[in-house]
C-alpha atoms as a PDB file:
ATOM      1  CA  MET A   1      -5.506 -17.709  -2.204  1.00  0.00           C
ATOM      2  CA  SER A   2      -4.825 -14.070  -1.405  1.00  0.00           C
ATOM      3  CA  VAL A   3      -6.110 -10.706  -2.534  1.00  0.00           C
ATOM      4  CA  THR A   4      -4.301  -9.541  -5.651  1.00  0.00           C
ATOM      5  CA  ASN A   5      -6.624  -6.912  -7.107  1.00  0.00           C
ATOM      6  CA  GLY A   6      -4.648  -4.261  -8.998  1.00  0.00           C
ATOM      7  CA  LYS A   7      -6.971  -1.499  -7.846  1.00  0.00           C
ATOM      8  CA  ALA A   8      -6.281  -2.430  -4.247  1.00  0.00           C
ATOM      9  CA  ARG A   9      -2.522  -2.354  -4.815  1.00  0.00           C
ATOM     10  CA  SER A  10      -2.840   1.107  -6.367  1.00  0.00           C
ATOM     11  CA  ALA A  11      -4.834   2.352  -3.373  1.00  0.00           C
ATOM     12  CA  LYS A  12      -2.081   1.238  -1.026  1.00  0.00           C
ATOM     13  CA  ARG A  13       0.551   3.095  -3.019  1.00  0.00           C
ATOM     14  CA  ASN A  14      -1.223   6.441  -3.250  1.00  0.00           C
ATOM     15  CA  GLY A  15      -2.428   6.376   0.358  1.00  0.00           C
ATOM     16  CA  THR A  16      -6.016   7.364  -0.435  1.00  0.00           C
ATOM     17  CA  ALA A  17      -8.076   7.557   2.769  1.00  0.00           C
ATOM     18  CA  PHE A  18     -11.375   6.070   1.631  1.00  0.00           C
ATOM     19  CA  LEU A  19     -12.394   5.587   5.268  1.00  0.00           C
ATOM     20  CA  GLU A  20     -10.569   7.361   8.071  1.00  0.00           C
ATOM     21  CA  ILE A  21     -11.245   6.939  11.791  1.00  0.00           C
ATOM     22  CA  SER A  22      -9.483   9.499  13.956  1.00  0.00           C
ATOM     23  CA  SER A  23      -9.024   9.427  17.757  1.00  0.00           C
ATOM     24  CA  LEU A  24     -12.322   7.592  18.279  1.00  0.00           C
ATOM     25  CA  ASP A  25     -13.701   6.926  21.759  1.00  0.00           C
ATOM     26  CA  LEU A  26     -16.841   4.895  22.396  1.00  0.00           C
ATOM     27  CA  HIS A  27     -18.733   4.269  25.625  1.00  0.00           C
ATOM     28  CA  TYR A  28     -21.551   1.923  26.567  1.00  0.00           C
ATOM     29  CA  GLY A  29     -22.833   3.827  29.567  1.00  0.00           C
ATOM     30  CA  PRO A  30     -19.921   4.088  32.032  1.00  0.00           C
ATOM     31  CA  VAL A  31     -17.878   1.420  30.208  1.00  0.00           C
ATOM     32  CA  GLN A  32     -15.355   2.649  27.635  1.00  0.00           C
ATOM     33  CA  ALA A  33     -15.153   0.211  24.716  1.00  0.00           C
ATOM     34  CA  LEU A  34     -12.831   2.159  22.390  1.00  0.00           C
ATOM     35  CA  ARG A  35      -9.942   4.460  23.317  1.00  0.00           C
ATOM     36  CA  ASP A  36      -8.363   6.823  20.804  1.00  0.00           C
ATOM     37  CA  ILE A  37      -8.844   4.454  17.838  1.00  0.00           C
ATOM     38  CA  SER A  38      -7.334   5.610  14.524  1.00  0.00           C
ATOM     39  CA  ILE A  39      -7.754   3.436  11.412  1.00  0.00           C
ATOM     40  CA  ARG A  40      -7.454   4.139   7.688  1.00  0.00           C
ATOM     41  CA  VAL A  41      -8.841   2.090   4.782  1.00  0.00           C
ATOM     42  CA  GLY A  42      -7.766   2.865   1.234  1.00  0.00           C
ATOM     43  CA  GLU A  43     -10.085   2.573  -1.738  1.00  0.00           C
ATOM     44  CA  GLY A  44     -10.042  -1.029  -2.935  1.00  0.00           C
ATOM     45  CA  GLU A  45      -8.329  -2.342   0.206  1.00  0.00           C
ATOM     46  CA  VAL A  46      -9.252  -5.251   2.438  1.00  0.00           C
ATOM     47  CA  VAL A  47      -8.322  -4.415   6.036  1.00  0.00           C
ATOM     48  CA  ALA A  48      -8.544  -6.912   8.898  1.00  0.00           C
ATOM     49  CA  LEU A  49      -9.311  -5.988  12.509  1.00  0.00           C
ATOM     50  CA  LEU A  50      -7.791  -8.573  14.829  1.00  0.00           C
ATOM     51  CA  GLY A  51      -7.767  -9.092  18.567  1.00  0.00           C
ATOM     52  CA  ALA A  52      -9.036 -11.252  21.392  1.00  0.00           C
ATOM     53  CA  ASN A  53     -12.657 -11.286  22.489  1.00  0.00           C
ATOM     54  CA  GLY A  54     -13.573  -7.929  24.015  1.00  0.00           C
ATOM     55  CA  ALA A  55     -10.814  -6.047  22.189  1.00  0.00           C
ATOM     56  CA  GLY A  56     -13.230  -3.629  20.511  1.00  0.00           C
ATOM     57  CA  LYS A  57     -13.502  -5.038  16.992  1.00  0.00           C
ATOM     58  CA  THR A  58     -17.289  -5.281  16.780  1.00  0.00           C
ATOM     59  CA  SER A  59     -17.673  -1.921  18.507  1.00  0.00           C
ATOM     60  CA  THR A  60     -15.506  -0.357  15.795  1.00  0.00           C
ATOM     61  CA  LEU A  61     -17.714  -1.770  13.039  1.00  0.00           C
ATOM     62  CA  ARG A  62     -20.870  -0.677  14.853  1.00  0.00           C
ATOM     63  CA  ALA A  63     -19.534   2.870  15.140  1.00  0.00           C
ATOM     64  CA  ILE A  64     -18.727   3.000  11.421  1.00  0.00           C
ATOM     65  CA  SER A  65     -22.154   1.732  10.396  1.00  0.00           C
ATOM     66  CA  GLY A  66     -24.035   4.133  12.660  1.00  0.00           C
ATOM     67  CA  MET A  67     -25.370   1.546  15.075  1.00  0.00           C
ATOM     68  CA  VAL A  68     -23.726   3.309  18.016  1.00  0.00           C
ATOM     69  CA  ALA A  69     -22.549   6.908  18.401  1.00  0.00           C
ATOM     70  CA  PRO A  70     -18.938   7.642  19.338  1.00  0.00           C
ATOM     71  CA  SER A  71     -18.135   9.663  22.449  1.00  0.00           C
ATOM     72  CA  ALA A  72     -15.276  11.541  20.784  1.00  0.00           C
ATOM     73  CA  GLY A  73     -13.264  11.598  17.576  1.00  0.00           C
ATOM     74  CA  ASP A  74     -14.349  11.446  13.956  1.00  0.00           C
ATOM     75  CA  ILE A  75     -15.210   8.966  11.200  1.00  0.00           C
ATOM     76  CA  ARG A  76     -14.812  10.237   7.631  1.00  0.00           C
ATOM     77  CA  PHE A  77     -15.979   8.358   4.545  1.00  0.00           C
ATOM     78  CA  GLN A  78     -14.903   9.662   1.139  1.00  0.00           C
ATOM     79  CA  GLY A  79     -13.908  12.928   2.789  1.00  0.00           C
ATOM     80  CA  SER A  80     -17.158  13.609   4.706  1.00  0.00           C
ATOM     81  CA  SER A  81     -17.806  13.050   8.396  1.00  0.00           C
ATOM     82  CA  ILE A  82     -20.278  10.285   9.209  1.00  0.00           C
ATOM     83  CA  ALA A  83     -19.661  10.238  12.959  1.00  0.00           C
ATOM     84  CA  SER A  84     -23.008   9.853  14.733  1.00  0.00           C
ATOM     85  CA  SER A  85     -24.888   9.582  11.402  1.00  0.00           C
ATOM     86  CA  PRO A  86     -27.922   7.275  11.609  1.00  0.00           C
ATOM     87  CA  ALA A  87     -27.507   3.810  10.145  1.00  0.00           C
ATOM     88  CA  HIS A  88     -29.931   4.373   7.250  1.00  0.00           C
ATOM     89  CA  ARG A  89     -27.897   7.385   6.070  1.00  0.00           C
ATOM     90  CA  VAL A  90     -24.648   5.425   6.321  1.00  0.00           C
ATOM     91  CA  VAL A  91     -26.105   2.675   4.117  1.00  0.00           C
ATOM     92  CA  ARG A  92     -27.216   5.201   1.505  1.00  0.00           C
ATOM     93  CA  LEU A  93     -23.703   6.650   1.427  1.00  0.00           C
ATOM     94  CA  GLY A  94     -22.413   3.224   0.410  1.00  0.00           C
ATOM     95  CA  ILE A  95     -21.512   1.287   3.579  1.00  0.00           C
ATOM     96  CA  SER A  96     -23.104  -2.083   4.346  1.00  0.00           C
ATOM     97  CA  HIS A  97     -22.674  -4.218   7.449  1.00  0.00           C
ATOM     98  CA  VAL A  98     -22.682  -8.024   7.689  1.00  0.00           C
ATOM     99  CA  PRO A  99     -23.327  -8.362  11.439  1.00  0.00           C
ATOM    100  CA  GLU A 100     -22.160 -11.089  13.747  1.00  0.00           C
ATOM    101  CA  GLY A 101     -24.818 -13.642  14.674  1.00  0.00           C
ATOM    102  CA  ARG A 102     -26.782 -14.069  11.401  1.00  0.00           C
ATOM    103  CA  GLU A 103     -29.575 -11.635  12.261  1.00  0.00           C
ATOM    104  CA  LEU A 104     -32.428 -12.402   9.850  1.00  0.00           C
ATOM    105  CA  PHE A 105     -36.220 -12.349   9.717  1.00  0.00           C
ATOM    106  CA  PRO A 106     -36.736 -16.116  10.065  1.00  0.00           C
ATOM    107  CA  THR A 107     -40.389 -16.260   8.978  1.00  0.00           C
ATOM    108  CA  LEU A 108     -39.745 -14.261   5.789  1.00  0.00           C
ATOM    109  CA  ALA A 109     -38.625 -15.929   2.580  1.00  0.00           C
ATOM    110  CA  VAL A 110     -35.080 -15.582   1.281  1.00  0.00           C
ATOM    111  CA  GLU A 111     -36.101 -13.073  -1.366  1.00  0.00           C
ATOM    112  CA  GLU A 112     -38.108 -11.035   1.146  1.00  0.00           C
ATOM    113  CA  ASN A 113     -35.034 -10.795   3.385  1.00  0.00           C
ATOM    114  CA  LEU A 114     -32.958  -9.687   0.413  1.00  0.00           C
ATOM    115  CA  ARG A 115     -35.504  -7.032  -0.521  1.00  0.00           C
ATOM    116  CA  LEU A 116     -35.034  -5.454   2.918  1.00  0.00           C
ATOM    117  CA  GLY A 117     -31.428  -4.730   1.991  1.00  0.00           C
ATOM    118  CA  PHE A 118     -32.423  -2.720  -1.101  1.00  0.00           C
ATOM    119  CA  TRP A 119     -33.084   1.020  -1.166  1.00  0.00           C
ATOM    120  CA  PRO A 120     -36.800   1.555  -1.857  1.00  0.00           C
ATOM    121  CA  GLN A 121     -36.035   4.825  -3.690  1.00  0.00           C
ATOM    122  CA  ARG A 122     -34.233   3.005  -6.460  1.00  0.00           C
ATOM    123  CA  GLY A 123     -36.107   1.608  -9.448  1.00  0.00           C
ATOM    124  CA  THR A 124     -37.385  -1.848 -10.335  1.00  0.00           C
ATOM    125  CA  ALA A 125     -34.607  -2.389 -12.865  1.00  0.00           C
ATOM    126  CA  ASP A 126     -31.975  -1.636 -10.203  1.00  0.00           C
ATOM    127  CA  TYR A 127     -33.662  -4.041  -7.805  1.00  0.00           C
ATOM    128  CA  LYS A 128     -33.642  -6.843 -10.367  1.00  0.00           C
ATOM    129  CA  ALA A 129     -29.991  -6.167 -11.193  1.00  0.00           C
ATOM    130  CA  ALA A 130     -29.044  -6.250  -7.497  1.00  0.00           C
ATOM    131  CA  LEU A 131     -31.018  -9.454  -6.960  1.00  0.00           C
ATOM    132  CA  ASP A 132     -29.451 -11.121  -9.993  1.00  0.00           C
ATOM    133  CA  HIS A 133     -26.005 -10.128  -8.753  1.00  0.00           C
ATOM    134  CA  VAL A 134     -26.623 -11.678  -5.335  1.00  0.00           C
ATOM    135  CA  TYR A 135     -27.986 -14.868  -6.891  1.00  0.00           C
ATOM    136  CA  GLY A 136     -24.904 -14.959  -9.119  1.00  0.00           C
ATOM    137  CA  VAL A 137     -22.641 -14.674  -6.087  1.00  0.00           C
ATOM    138  CA  PHE A 138     -24.697 -17.155  -4.039  1.00  0.00           C
ATOM    139  CA  PRO A 139     -26.527 -19.560  -6.405  1.00  0.00           C
ATOM    140  CA  ARG A 140     -27.856 -21.467  -3.384  1.00  0.00           C
ATOM    141  CA  LEU A 141     -29.962 -18.443  -2.442  1.00  0.00           C
ATOM    142  CA  GLY A 142     -31.535 -18.449  -5.884  1.00  0.00           C
ATOM    143  CA  GLU A 143     -32.507 -22.075  -5.362  1.00  0.00           C
ATOM    144  CA  ARG A 144     -34.018 -21.207  -1.955  1.00  0.00           C
ATOM    145  CA  ARG A 145     -35.611 -17.872  -2.867  1.00  0.00           C
ATOM    146  CA  LYS A 146     -39.111 -18.863  -1.696  1.00  0.00           C
ATOM    147  CA  GLN A 147     -37.955 -20.760   1.399  1.00  0.00           C
ATOM    148  CA  ALA A 148     -38.360 -19.283   4.896  1.00  0.00           C
ATOM    149  CA  ALA A 149     -34.983 -18.052   6.111  1.00  0.00           C
ATOM    150  CA  GLY A 150     -35.355 -19.724   9.508  1.00  0.00           C
ATOM    151  CA  THR A 151     -35.588 -23.180   7.945  1.00  0.00           C
ATOM    152  CA  MET A 152     -32.221 -22.981   6.181  1.00  0.00           C
ATOM    153  CA  SER A 153     -28.870 -24.277   7.419  1.00  0.00           C
ATOM    154  CA  GLY A 154     -26.476 -21.999   9.280  1.00  0.00           C
ATOM    155  CA  GLY A 155     -24.263 -21.698   6.231  1.00  0.00           C
ATOM    156  CA  GLU A 156     -27.186 -20.747   3.996  1.00  0.00           C
ATOM    157  CA  GLN A 157     -28.350 -18.167   6.538  1.00  0.00           C
ATOM    158  CA  GLN A 158     -24.880 -16.609   6.593  1.00  0.00           C
ATOM    159  CA  MET A 159     -24.953 -16.411   2.793  1.00  0.00           C
ATOM    160  CA  LEU A 160     -28.309 -14.664   3.076  1.00  0.00           C
ATOM    161  CA  VAL A 161     -27.003 -12.093   5.575  1.00  0.00           C
ATOM    162  CA  PHE A 162     -24.062 -11.468   3.256  1.00  0.00           C
ATOM    163  CA  GLY A 163     -26.346 -11.245   0.218  1.00  0.00           C
ATOM    164  CA  ARG A 164     -28.670  -8.789   1.960  1.00  0.00           C
ATOM    165  CA  ALA A 165     -25.692  -6.479   2.572  1.00  0.00           C
ATOM    166  CA  LEU A 166     -24.741  -6.701  -1.111  1.00  0.00           C
ATOM    167  CA  MET A 167     -28.238  -5.637  -2.217  1.00  0.00           C
ATOM    168  CA  SER A 168     -27.309  -1.982  -1.603  1.00  0.00           C
ATOM    169  CA  SER A 169     -24.273  -2.251  -3.939  1.00  0.00           C
ATOM    170  CA  PRO A 170     -21.883  -1.054  -1.213  1.00  0.00           C
ATOM    171  CA  LYS A 171     -18.637   0.791  -1.775  1.00  0.00           C
ATOM    172  CA  LEU A 172     -17.436  -0.412   1.650  1.00  0.00           C
ATOM    173  CA  LEU A 173     -18.466  -3.693   3.272  1.00  0.00           C
ATOM    174  CA  LEU A 174     -18.055  -4.370   6.995  1.00  0.00           C
ATOM    175  CA  VAL A 175     -17.922  -8.097   7.774  1.00  0.00           C
ATOM    176  CA  ASP A 176     -18.112  -9.317  11.378  1.00  0.00           C
ATOM    177  CA  GLU A 177     -17.149 -12.902  12.319  1.00  0.00           C
ATOM    178  CA  MET A 178     -18.721 -14.563   9.298  1.00  0.00           C
ATOM    179  CA  SER A 179     -17.118 -17.965   9.989  1.00  0.00           C
ATOM    180  CA  LEU A 180     -18.717 -18.544  13.412  1.00  0.00           C
ATOM    181  CA  GLY A 181     -20.120 -22.066  13.669  1.00  0.00           C
ATOM    182  CA  LEU A 182     -19.731 -22.874   9.973  1.00  0.00           C
ATOM    183  CA  ALA A 183     -18.232 -25.843   8.154  1.00  0.00           C
ATOM    184  CA  PRO A 184     -14.846 -25.312   6.429  1.00  0.00           C
ATOM    185  CA  LEU A 185     -16.337 -25.535   2.925  1.00  0.00           C
ATOM    186  CA  VAL A 186     -18.845 -22.767   3.683  1.00  0.00           C
ATOM    187  CA  VAL A 187     -16.111 -20.610   5.215  1.00  0.00           C
ATOM    188  CA  LYS A 188     -14.032 -21.024   2.062  1.00  0.00           C
ATOM    189  CA  THR A 189     -17.018 -20.015  -0.068  1.00  0.00           C
ATOM    190  CA  LEU A 190     -17.537 -16.858   1.976  1.00  0.00           C
ATOM    191  CA  PHE A 191     -13.888 -15.830   1.789  1.00  0.00           C
ATOM    192  CA  ASP A 192     -13.966 -16.446  -1.962  1.00  0.00           C
ATOM    193  CA  VAL A 193     -16.896 -14.019  -2.087  1.00  0.00           C
ATOM    194  CA  VAL A 194     -14.890 -11.418  -0.132  1.00  0.00           C
ATOM    195  CA  GLU A 195     -12.137 -11.753  -2.699  1.00  0.00           C
ATOM    196  CA  ARG A 196     -14.597 -11.558  -5.583  1.00  0.00           C
ATOM    197  CA  ILE A 197     -16.355  -8.396  -4.443  1.00  0.00           C
ATOM    198  CA  ASN A 198     -13.027  -6.766  -3.626  1.00  0.00           C
ATOM    199  CA  ALA A 199     -11.867  -7.540  -7.174  1.00  0.00           C
ATOM    200  CA  GLU A 200     -15.054  -5.805  -8.374  1.00  0.00           C
ATOM    201  CA  GLY A 201     -13.970  -2.655  -6.513  1.00  0.00           C
ATOM    202  CA  THR A 202     -15.557  -2.918  -3.051  1.00  0.00           C
ATOM    203  CA  SER A 203     -13.400  -2.076  -0.046  1.00  0.00           C
ATOM    204  CA  VAL A 204     -13.767  -4.442   2.912  1.00  0.00           C
ATOM    205  CA  VAL A 205     -13.139  -4.259   6.648  1.00  0.00           C
ATOM    206  CA  ILE A 206     -13.222  -7.741   8.124  1.00  0.00           C
ATOM    207  CA  VAL A 207     -13.323  -8.999  11.703  1.00  0.00           C
ATOM    208  CA  GLU A 208     -12.496 -12.690  11.840  1.00  0.00           C
ATOM    209  CA  GLN A 209     -11.673 -15.206  14.576  1.00  0.00           C
ATOM    210  CA  PHE A 210      -9.441 -17.292  12.296  1.00  0.00           C
ATOM    211  CA  VAL A 211      -6.377 -15.101  12.092  1.00  0.00           C
ATOM    212  CA  HIS A 212      -4.636 -16.952   9.277  1.00  0.00           C
ATOM    213  CA  LEU A 213      -7.696 -16.571   7.025  1.00  0.00           C
ATOM    214  CA  ALA A 214      -8.094 -12.882   7.805  1.00  0.00           C
ATOM    215  CA  LEU A 215      -4.422 -12.211   7.053  1.00  0.00           C
ATOM    216  CA  ARG A 216      -4.419 -14.314   3.901  1.00  0.00           C
ATOM    217  CA  HIS A 217      -7.393 -12.395   2.500  1.00  0.00           C
ATOM    218  CA  SER A 218      -6.422  -8.853   3.468  1.00  0.00           C
ATOM    219  CA  HIS A 219      -3.827  -6.236   2.566  1.00  0.00           C
ATOM    220  CA  ARG A 220      -3.290  -4.663   5.980  1.00  0.00           C
ATOM    221  CA  ALA A 221      -4.287  -5.445   9.547  1.00  0.00           C
ATOM    222  CA  TYR A 222      -4.854  -3.590  12.800  1.00  0.00           C
ATOM    223  CA  VAL A 223      -4.539  -5.449  16.095  1.00  0.00           C
ATOM    224  CA  LEU A 224      -6.769  -4.199  18.913  1.00  0.00           C
ATOM    225  CA  SER A 225      -6.332  -4.836  22.624  1.00  0.00           C
ATOM    226  CA  LYS A 226      -8.562  -3.472  25.396  1.00  0.00           C
ATOM    227  CA  GLY A 227     -10.187  -0.993  23.033  1.00  0.00           C
ATOM    228  CA  GLN A 228      -6.948   0.392  21.595  1.00  0.00           C
ATOM    229  CA  VAL A 229      -4.920  -0.134  18.424  1.00  0.00           C
ATOM    230  CA  VAL A 230      -1.654  -1.750  19.494  1.00  0.00           C
ATOM    231  CA  LEU A 231      -0.276  -2.716  16.106  1.00  0.00           C
ATOM    232  CA  GLU A 232      -0.689  -1.853  12.426  1.00  0.00           C
ATOM    233  CA  ALA A 233       1.133  -3.870   9.761  1.00  0.00           C
ATOM    234  CA  ALA A 234       0.938  -5.357   6.306  1.00  0.00           C
ATOM    235  CA  SER A 235      -0.982  -8.623   6.551  1.00  0.00           C
ATOM    236  CA  LYS A 236       1.815 -10.608   4.936  1.00  0.00           C
ATOM    237  CA  ASP A 237       4.239  -9.379   7.591  1.00  0.00           C
ATOM    238  CA  LEU A 238       1.972 -10.522  10.417  1.00  0.00           C
ATOM    239  CA  GLU A 239       1.235 -13.817   8.693  1.00  0.00           C
ATOM    240  CA  ASN A 240       4.954 -14.550   8.388  1.00  0.00           C
ATOM    241  CA  ASP A 241       5.755 -13.704  12.004  1.00  0.00           C
ATOM    242  CA  PRO A 242       4.035 -16.232  14.290  1.00  0.00           C
ATOM    243  CA  LYS A 243       5.828 -14.888  17.398  1.00  0.00           C
ATOM    244  CA  LEU A 244       4.441 -11.418  16.756  1.00  0.00           C
ATOM    245  CA  THR A 245       0.970 -12.818  16.132  1.00  0.00           C
ATOM    246  CA  ALA A 246       1.078 -14.879  19.321  1.00  0.00           C
ATOM    247  CA  ALA A 247       2.281 -11.903  21.376  1.00  0.00           C
ATOM    248  CA  TYR A 248      -0.732  -9.774  20.460  1.00  0.00           C
ATOM    249  CA  LEU A 249      -3.440 -12.364  19.822  1.00  0.00           C
ATOM    250  CA  GLY A 250      -2.780 -14.912  22.543  1.00  0.00           C
ATOM    251  CA  GLY A 251      -1.696 -14.873  26.171  1.00  0.00           C
ATOM    252  CA  ALA A 252      -3.721 -13.473  29.011  1.00  0.00           C
ATOM    253  CA  GLU A 253      -6.465 -11.969  26.859  1.00  0.00           C
ATOM    254  CA  GLY A 254      -7.385 -15.272  25.275  1.00  0.00           C
ATOM    255  CA  HIS A 255      -6.072 -17.235  22.345  1.00  0.00           C
ATOM    256  CA  ILE A 256      -7.560 -16.841  18.890  1.00  0.00           C
ATOM    257  CA  GLU A 257      -7.433 -20.167  17.082  1.00  0.00           C
ATOM    258  CA  GLU A 258      -5.434 -20.424  13.888  1.00  0.00           C
ATOM    259  CA  GLY A 259      -6.388 -23.957  12.910  1.00  0.00           C
ATOM    260  CA  PRO A 260      -9.096 -24.928  10.390  1.00  0.00           C
ATOM    261  CA  PRO A 261     -12.651 -23.894  11.303  1.00  0.00           C
ATOM    262  CA  SER A 262     -14.560 -26.522  13.235  1.00  0.00           C
ATOM    263  CA  THR A 263     -18.021 -27.674  12.242  1.00  0.00           C
ATOM    264  CA  LYS A 264     -19.005 -27.443  15.903  1.00  0.00           C
ATOM    265  CA  LYS A 265     -21.103 -24.347  16.494  1.00  0.00           C
ATOM    266  CA  ARG A 266     -19.398 -21.692  18.588  1.00  0.00           C
ATOM    267  CA  LYS A 267     -21.223 -19.210  20.749  1.00  0.00           C
ATOM    268  CA  ALA A 268     -21.084 -15.741  19.204  1.00  0.00           C
ATOM    269  CA  ARG A 269     -19.526 -13.069  21.392  1.00  0.00           C
ATOM    270  CA  ARG A 270     -19.617  -9.314  21.090  1.00  0.00           C
ATOM    271  CA  SER A 271     -16.274  -7.570  21.153  1.00  0.00           C
END
C-alpha cells in the first residue's frame, strides 16, 4: 500500500511550501546536532526523514515542534516563522508531535491521557468530536478508555500516543520512530493510520527505522547524515534503487534494517 491521495499529488505539482526549514543549525551545548538543514513539506504531503542513528532526524522534529530552539536559520509554517516558538504555540498553530519512546502518563486512564492532547480553550462539542475521531481511528482505545495507560501493551500505548497527537486536529503531524519494539501487525495498523489521516488532508513528516516502510508510505524523502541533508529524492526513486539506499543508510554509520519489524523490543535511541 502506498500514499495516493489526490490532494498530496496536487501539492507536489504546485510546489506549495506548507512547512519550510531554511539553513537550520541546532546545538546541544557545544555539540552541533544540525548543520545548515533545509527541508520543504508541501500541503498534503508525507515526507520521510531517513538516516542512521545520530543523523539528526529526531533533532529536526524537536526543532519544528518547539521542544528545542535552533541556533541559526528559520522554520516557517504556512508562511509564518515559528523558529524558537514555544511548543504550546506550535501545537495551537496546527502541528502535533508523536514522540519517540511512548511518553505517557502511566497512572492516568486512556481518556485522561487523550484529554491532555486537547486545547482547553475549545468547546465541549469539539472535545467530543475529537475524542470520537480518535476512537474511530483506534477502536482499541475506546475499549480501554478507563484503563490506566501504564497497564496496556506496548502497541496499545503507541496507539494512545498517536491518538493524543490527533486530539488537536493537526494540520501537520510529526511522527518519530513509531514502530520501535512493536509487532508487525501493530506496525501495519499504525502505517494504515498515517495513510488515513493523510487522505483526510493532514501533512506528515515521518522518521522511521524501517526504510522500506517509510518510502512506501511517503511521497518524498530526505536522507540525513551527521546532521546534514545529503540527499533529497522522490520516495519511489529511493525505494527502487537499493544501491543508493545502501550507500546512504548503511556502511560506517550503521545499517538501518529493511526487513520486517521484529517483535523483540528494541532500545529507543535519540538521533
